[in-house]
């Protein structure tokens, strides 16, 4: 059971400088697009009769 969890986490660690640079470059863009109230407003403001 422990091995399954360990393998599931294996691809989430950044070890190369290029990967880190790309992550740091794109994170603000993704946060601006997807982690703001307007991005999910269509879903949470939906009302039914």
PDB file of N, CA and C in Angstrom:
ATOM      1  N   UNK A   1       0.821  -1.187   0.000  1.00  0.00           N
ATOM      2  CA  UNK A   1       0.000   0.000   0.000  1.00  0.00           C
ATOM      3  C   UNK A   1       0.871   1.259   0.000  1.00  0.00           C
ATOM      4  N   UNK A   2       1.926   1.233   0.774  1.00  0.00           N
ATOM      5  CA  UNK A   2       2.826   2.391   0.851  1.00  0.00           C
ATOM      6  C   UNK A   2       3.471   2.681  -0.500  1.00  0.00           C
ATOM      7  N   UNK A   3       3.818   1.626  -1.241  1.00  0.00           N
ATOM      8  CA  UNK A   3       4.471   1.807  -2.539  1.00  0.00           C
ATOM      9  C   UNK A   3       3.572   2.532  -3.539  1.00  0.00           C
ATOM     10  N   UNK A   4       2.276   2.269  -3.503  1.00  0.00           N
ATOM     11  CA  UNK A   4       1.344   2.917  -4.420  1.00  0.00           C
ATOM     12  C   UNK A   4       1.327   4.422  -4.157  1.00  0.00           C
ATOM     13  N   UNK A   5       1.255   4.815  -2.910  1.00  0.00           N
ATOM     14  CA  UNK A   5       1.265   6.236  -2.564  1.00  0.00           C
ATOM     15  C   UNK A   5       2.575   6.910  -2.929  1.00  0.00           C
ATOM     16  N   UNK A   6       3.647   6.205  -2.729  1.00  0.00           N
ATOM     17  CA  UNK A   6       4.962   6.764  -3.043  1.00  0.00           C
ATOM     18  C   UNK A   6       5.113   6.965  -4.550  1.00  0.00           C
ATOM     19  N   UNK A   7       4.647   6.030  -5.350  1.00  0.00           N
ATOM     20  CA  UNK A   7       4.722   6.164  -6.800  1.00  0.00           C
ATOM     21  C   UNK A   7       3.813   7.289  -7.303  1.00  0.00           C
ATOM     22  N   UNK A   8       2.680   7.481  -6.676  1.00  0.00           N
ATOM     23  CA  UNK A   8       1.755   8.527  -7.093  1.00  0.00           C
ATOM     24  C   UNK A   8       2.318   9.918  -6.905  1.00  0.00           C
ATOM     25  N   UNK A   9       3.265  10.065  -6.009  1.00  0.00           N
ATOM     26  CA  UNK A   9       3.866  11.361  -5.709  1.00  0.00           C
ATOM     27  C   UNK A   9       5.173  11.582  -6.465  1.00  0.00           C
ATOM     28  N   UNK A  10       5.645  10.578  -7.162  1.00  0.00           N
ATOM     29  CA  UNK A  10       6.985  10.638  -7.741  1.00  0.00           C
ATOM     30  C   UNK A  10       7.157  11.702  -8.818  1.00  0.00           C
ATOM     31  N   UNK A  11       6.122  12.045  -9.553  1.00  0.00           N
ATOM     32  CA  UNK A  11       6.268  13.006 -10.639  1.00  0.00           C
ATOM     33  C   UNK A  11       6.047  14.449 -10.244  1.00  0.00           C
ATOM     34  N   UNK A  12       5.901  14.722  -8.975  1.00  0.00           N
ATOM     35  CA  UNK A  12       5.549  16.070  -8.537  1.00  0.00           C
ATOM     36  C   UNK A  12       6.729  16.885  -8.038  1.00  0.00           C
ATOM     37  N   UNK A  13       7.898  16.311  -8.056  1.00  0.00           N
ATOM     38  CA  UNK A  13       9.069  17.012  -7.540  1.00  0.00           C
ATOM     39  C   UNK A  13       9.890  17.568  -8.694  1.00  0.00           C
ATOM     40  N   UNK A  14      10.227  18.828  -8.600  1.00  0.00           N
ATOM     41  CA  UNK A  14      11.019  19.479  -9.634  1.00  0.00           C
ATOM     42  C   UNK A  14      12.478  19.432  -9.209  1.00  0.00           C
ATOM     43  N   UNK A  15      13.300  18.863 -10.068  1.00  0.00           N
ATOM     44  CA  UNK A  15      14.710  18.721  -9.719  1.00  0.00           C
ATOM     45  C   UNK A  15      15.632  19.489 -10.650  1.00  0.00           C
ATOM     46  N   UNK A  16      15.158  19.814 -11.825  1.00  0.00           N
ATOM     47  CA  UNK A  16      16.014  20.500 -12.795  1.00  0.00           C
ATOM     48  C   UNK A  16      15.734  21.993 -12.804  1.00  0.00           C
ATOM     49  N   UNK A  17      16.771  22.795 -12.986  1.00  0.00           N
ATOM     50  CA  UNK A  17      16.581  24.251 -12.994  1.00  0.00           C
ATOM     51  C   UNK A  17      15.614  24.724 -14.079  1.00  0.00           C
ATOM     52  N   UNK A  18      15.606  24.091 -15.243  1.00  0.00           N
ATOM     53  CA  UNK A  18      14.698  24.495 -16.304  1.00  0.00           C
ATOM     54  C   UNK A  18      13.247  24.244 -15.902  1.00  0.00           C
ATOM     55  N   UNK A  19      12.989  23.145 -15.247  1.00  0.00           N
ATOM     56  CA  UNK A  19      11.631  22.848 -14.772  1.00  0.00           C
ATOM     57  C   UNK A  19      11.190  23.881 -13.750  1.00  0.00           C
ATOM     58  N   UNK A  20      12.077  24.232 -12.863  1.00  0.00           N
ATOM     59  CA  UNK A  20      11.763  25.219 -11.828  1.00  0.00           C
ATOM     60  C   UNK A  20      11.500  26.587 -12.460  1.00  0.00           C
ATOM     61  N   UNK A  21      12.310  26.962 -13.431  1.00  0.00           N
ATOM     62  CA  UNK A  21      12.120  28.235 -14.119  1.00  0.00           C
ATOM     63  C   UNK A  21      10.765  28.279 -14.819  1.00  0.00           C
ATOM     64  N   UNK A  22      10.407  27.192 -15.514  1.00  0.00           N
ATOM     65  CA  UNK A  22       9.144  27.144 -16.225  1.00  0.00           C
ATOM     66  C   UNK A  22       7.963  27.190 -15.252  1.00  0.00           C
ATOM     67  N   UNK A  23       8.065  26.471 -14.141  1.00  0.00           N
ATOM     68  CA  UNK A  23       7.008  26.505 -13.134  1.00  0.00           C
ATOM     69  C   UNK A  23       6.834  27.913 -12.576  1.00  0.00           C
ATOM     70  N   UNK A  24       7.938  28.548 -12.246  1.00  0.00           N
ATOM     71  CA  UNK A  24       7.869  29.894 -11.682  1.00  0.00           C
ATOM     72  C   UNK A  24       7.352  30.915 -12.699  1.00  0.00           C
ATOM     73  N   UNK A  25       7.612  30.682 -13.966  1.00  0.00           N
ATOM     74  CA  UNK A  25       7.136  31.568 -15.012  1.00  0.00           C
ATOM     75  C   UNK A  25       5.629  31.417 -15.236  1.00  0.00           C
ATOM     76  N   UNK A  26       5.129  30.197 -15.209  1.00  0.00           N
ATOM     77  CA  UNK A  26       3.728  29.952 -15.556  1.00  0.00           C
ATOM     78  C   UNK A  26       2.764  29.995 -14.375  1.00  0.00           C
ATOM     79  N   UNK A  27       3.237  29.829 -13.162  1.00  0.00           N
ATOM     80  CA  UNK A  27       2.340  29.813 -12.004  1.00  0.00           C
ATOM     81  C   UNK A  27       1.509  31.085 -11.877  1.00  0.00           C
ATOM     82  N   UNK A  28       2.074  32.277 -11.990  1.00  0.00           N
ATOM     83  CA  UNK A  28       1.229  33.476 -11.886  1.00  0.00           C
ATOM     84  C   UNK A  28       0.141  33.538 -12.958  1.00  0.00           C
ATOM     85  N   UNK A  29       0.455  33.073 -14.151  1.00  0.00           N
ATOM     86  CA  UNK A  29      -0.534  33.068 -15.221  1.00  0.00           C
ATOM     87  C   UNK A  29      -1.708  32.157 -14.876  1.00  0.00           C
ATOM     88  N   UNK A  30      -1.409  30.929 -14.442  1.00  0.00           N
ATOM     89  CA  UNK A  30      -2.471  30.002 -14.092  1.00  0.00           C
ATOM     90  C   UNK A  30      -3.273  30.471 -12.885  1.00  0.00           C
ATOM     91  N   UNK A  31      -2.617  31.082 -11.929  1.00  0.00           N
ATOM     92  CA  UNK A  31      -3.337  31.607 -10.771  1.00  0.00           C
ATOM     93  C   UNK A  31      -4.274  32.740 -11.182  1.00  0.00           C
ATOM     94  N   UNK A  32      -3.814  33.587 -12.078  1.00  0.00           N
ATOM     95  CA  UNK A  32      -4.651  34.693 -12.533  1.00  0.00           C
ATOM     96  C   UNK A  32      -5.865  34.181 -13.308  1.00  0.00           C
ATOM     97  N   UNK A  33      -5.673  33.134 -14.095  1.00  0.00           N
ATOM     98  CA  UNK A  33      -6.758  32.601 -14.910  1.00  0.00           C
ATOM     99  C   UNK A  33      -7.757  31.756 -14.119  1.00  0.00           C
ATOM    100  N   UNK A  34      -7.253  30.941 -13.208  1.00  0.00           N
ATOM    101  CA  UNK A  34      -8.108  29.930 -12.593  1.00  0.00           C
ATOM    102  C   UNK A  34      -8.351  30.089 -11.093  1.00  0.00           C
ATOM    103  N   UNK A  35      -7.559  30.866 -10.414  1.00  0.00           N
ATOM    104  CA  UNK A  35      -7.705  30.957  -8.961  1.00  0.00           C
ATOM    105  C   UNK A  35      -8.192  32.338  -8.545  1.00  0.00           C
ATOM    106  N   UNK A  36      -9.204  32.828  -9.233  1.00  0.00           N
ATOM    107  CA  UNK A  36      -9.781  34.100  -8.844  1.00  0.00           C
ATOM    108  C   UNK A  36     -11.303  33.959  -8.855  1.00  0.00           C
ATOM    109  N   UNK A  37     -11.999  34.812  -8.164  1.00  0.00           N
ATOM    110  CA  UNK A  37     -13.460  34.692  -8.069  1.00  0.00           C
ATOM    111  C   UNK A  37     -14.174  34.755  -9.416  1.00  0.00           C
ATOM    112  N   UNK A  38     -13.670  35.541 -10.345  1.00  0.00           N
ATOM    113  CA  UNK A  38     -14.348  35.655 -11.635  1.00  0.00           C
ATOM    114  C   UNK A  38     -14.260  34.375 -12.453  1.00  0.00           C
ATOM    115  N   UNK A  39     -13.183  33.617 -12.276  1.00  0.00           N
ATOM    116  CA  UNK A  39     -13.014  32.391 -13.053  1.00  0.00           C
ATOM    117  C   UNK A  39     -14.073  31.352 -12.716  1.00  0.00           C
ATOM    118  N   UNK A  40     -14.527  31.322 -11.478  1.00  0.00           N
ATOM    119  CA  UNK A  40     -15.530  30.326 -11.078  1.00  0.00           C
ATOM    120  C   UNK A  40     -16.885  30.950 -10.765  1.00  0.00           C
ATOM    121  N   UNK A  41     -17.028  32.225 -11.053  1.00  0.00           N
ATOM    122  CA  UNK A  41     -18.281  32.915 -10.761  1.00  0.00           C
ATOM    123  C   UNK A  41     -19.467  32.306 -11.501  1.00  0.00           C
ATOM    124  N   UNK A  42     -19.251  31.873 -12.742  1.00  0.00           N
ATOM    125  CA  UNK A  42     -20.336  31.281 -13.524  1.00  0.00           C
ATOM    126  C   UNK A  42     -20.915  30.047 -12.838  1.00  0.00           C
ATOM    127  N   UNK A  43     -20.082  29.327 -12.111  1.00  0.00           N
ATOM    128  CA  UNK A  43     -20.538  28.106 -11.476  1.00  0.00           C
ATOM    129  C   UNK A  43     -21.242  28.398 -10.147  1.00  0.00           C
ATOM    130  N   UNK A  44     -20.684  29.276  -9.364  1.00  0.00           N
ATOM    131  CA  UNK A  44     -21.224  29.517  -8.029  1.00  0.00           C
ATOM    132  C   UNK A  44     -22.361  30.538  -8.004  1.00  0.00           C
ATOM    133  N   UNK A  45     -22.512  31.308  -9.065  1.00  0.00           N
ATOM    134  CA  UNK A  45     -23.596  32.287  -9.080  1.00  0.00           C
ATOM    135  C   UNK A  45     -24.854  31.746  -9.773  1.00  0.00           C
ATOM    136  N   UNK A  46     -24.799  30.531 -10.259  1.00  0.00           N
ATOM    137  CA  UNK A  46     -25.958  29.924 -10.919  1.00  0.00           C
ATOM    138  C   UNK A  46     -27.081  29.694  -9.911  1.00  0.00           C
ATOM    139  N   UNK A  47     -28.266  30.116 -10.251  1.00  0.00           N
ATOM    140  CA  UNK A  47     -29.433  29.966  -9.358  1.00  0.00           C
ATOM    141  C   UNK A  47     -30.546  29.220 -10.079  1.00  0.00           C
ATOM    142  N   UNK A  48     -31.244  28.421  -9.345  1.00  0.00           N
ATOM    143  CA  UNK A  48     -32.392  27.702  -9.896  1.00  0.00           C
ATOM    144  C   UNK A  48     -33.672  28.211  -9.235  1.00  0.00           C
ATOM    145  N   UNK A  49     -34.768  28.010  -9.893  1.00  0.00           N
ATOM    146  CA  UNK A  49     -36.056  28.417  -9.343  1.00  0.00           C
ATOM    147  C   UNK A  49     -36.527  27.462  -8.262  1.00  0.00           C
TER     148      UNK A  49
END
